[in-house]
Amino acid sequence: MEKKYYKYGTRPIIEEIEPEFSTFYAYQWETGEFKEDMTYMRKIRFDFSGDREDLSEKEFNAYVEKLRKEKGL
């Protein structure tokens, strides 16, 4: 399985890519965890707003860690 990492607006998003499909997980502000949220498939794939930012795994992990620290999670 391949993973891709994004920031959509300020929300971190993980895409897990399988041969037949992808699953999207969105960062939950309240808990600091990731929850499946397929609404981001369309937002990421067809980003007409320019809100999507592709991140490396290292950039993504640093950003998530920063968010969790800011929230005390």
Protein backbone atom coordinates (compact mmCIF):
# COMPACT_ATOMS: atom_id res chain seq x y z
CA MET A 1 0.00 0.00 0.00
CA GLU A 2 1.22 3.45 -0.94
CA LYS A 3 0.42 6.56 1.11
CA LYS A 4 0.21 10.17 0.02
CA TYR A 5 0.12 13.12 2.35
CA TYR A 6 -1.69 16.41 1.92
CA LYS A 7 -2.72 19.55 3.67
CA TYR A 8 -6.17 20.71 2.57
CA GLY A 9 -6.52 24.23 3.86
CA THR A 10 -5.00 23.64 7.29
CA ARG A 11 -6.29 20.05 7.76
CA PRO A 12 -3.84 17.14 7.32
CA ILE A 13 -5.16 14.38 5.04
CA ILE A 14 -3.74 10.89 4.39
CA GLU A 15 -4.55 8.94 1.25
CA GLU A 16 -3.96 5.18 1.40
CA ILE A 17 -3.72 3.83 -2.13
CA GLU A 18 -4.63 0.22 -2.89
CA PRO A 19 -4.63 -1.31 -6.39
CA GLU A 20 -8.42 -0.98 -6.73
CA PHE A 21 -9.25 2.07 -4.58
CA SER A 22 -8.04 4.82 -2.24
CA THR A 23 -9.15 5.63 1.29
CA PHE A 24 -8.87 9.15 2.72
CA TYR A 25 -8.34 9.97 6.39
CA ALA A 26 -8.82 13.46 7.83
CA TYR A 27 -7.21 14.88 10.94
CA GLN A 28 -9.69 15.40 13.77
CA TRP A 29 -9.09 18.72 15.53
CA GLU A 30 -10.60 17.57 18.83
CA THR A 31 -8.58 14.36 19.25
CA GLY A 32 -5.52 14.71 17.03
CA GLU A 33 -6.36 11.35 15.44
CA PHE A 34 -7.26 10.48 11.86
CA LYS A 35 -10.72 9.29 10.84
CA GLU A 36 -11.86 7.98 7.47
CA ASP A 37 -13.51 10.78 5.52
CA MET A 38 -14.17 10.06 1.88
CA THR A 39 -15.44 13.60 1.23
CA TYR A 40 -11.78 14.50 0.80
CA MET A 41 -11.40 12.21 -2.23
CA ARG A 42 -13.23 14.71 -4.42
CA LYS A 43 -11.60 17.72 -2.72
CA ILE A 44 -8.10 16.31 -3.23
CA ARG A 45 -8.59 14.86 -6.72
CA PHE A 46 -10.45 17.85 -8.16
CA ASP A 47 -8.92 20.77 -6.28
CA PHE A 48 -10.21 23.79 -8.14
CA SER A 49 -9.80 26.01 -5.06
CA GLY A 50 -6.04 25.66 -4.76
CA ASP A 51 -6.42 24.54 -1.13
CA ARG A 52 -4.47 21.29 -1.60
CA GLU A 53 -0.80 21.14 -0.73
CA ASP A 54 1.17 17.94 -1.36
CA LEU A 55 3.56 17.10 1.48
CA SER A 56 6.36 14.62 1.96
CA GLU A 57 5.91 12.14 4.80
CA LYS A 58 8.49 14.04 6.84
CA GLU A 59 6.79 17.43 6.27
CA PHE A 60 3.41 15.88 7.06
CA ASN A 61 4.55 14.27 10.31
CA ALA A 62 6.20 17.50 11.48
CA TYR A 63 3.02 19.47 10.73
CA VAL A 64 0.78 16.96 12.57
CA GLU A 65 3.14 16.97 15.56
CA LYS A 66 3.03 20.78 15.63
CA LEU A 67 -0.80 20.77 15.57
CA ARG A 68 -0.98 18.22 18.37
CA LYS A 69 1.46 20.17 20.53
CA GLU A 70 -0.51 23.39 19.99
CA LYS A 71 -3.68 21.60 21.17
CA GLY A 72 -1.90 19.82 24.03
CA LEU A 73 -2.65 16.39 22.57
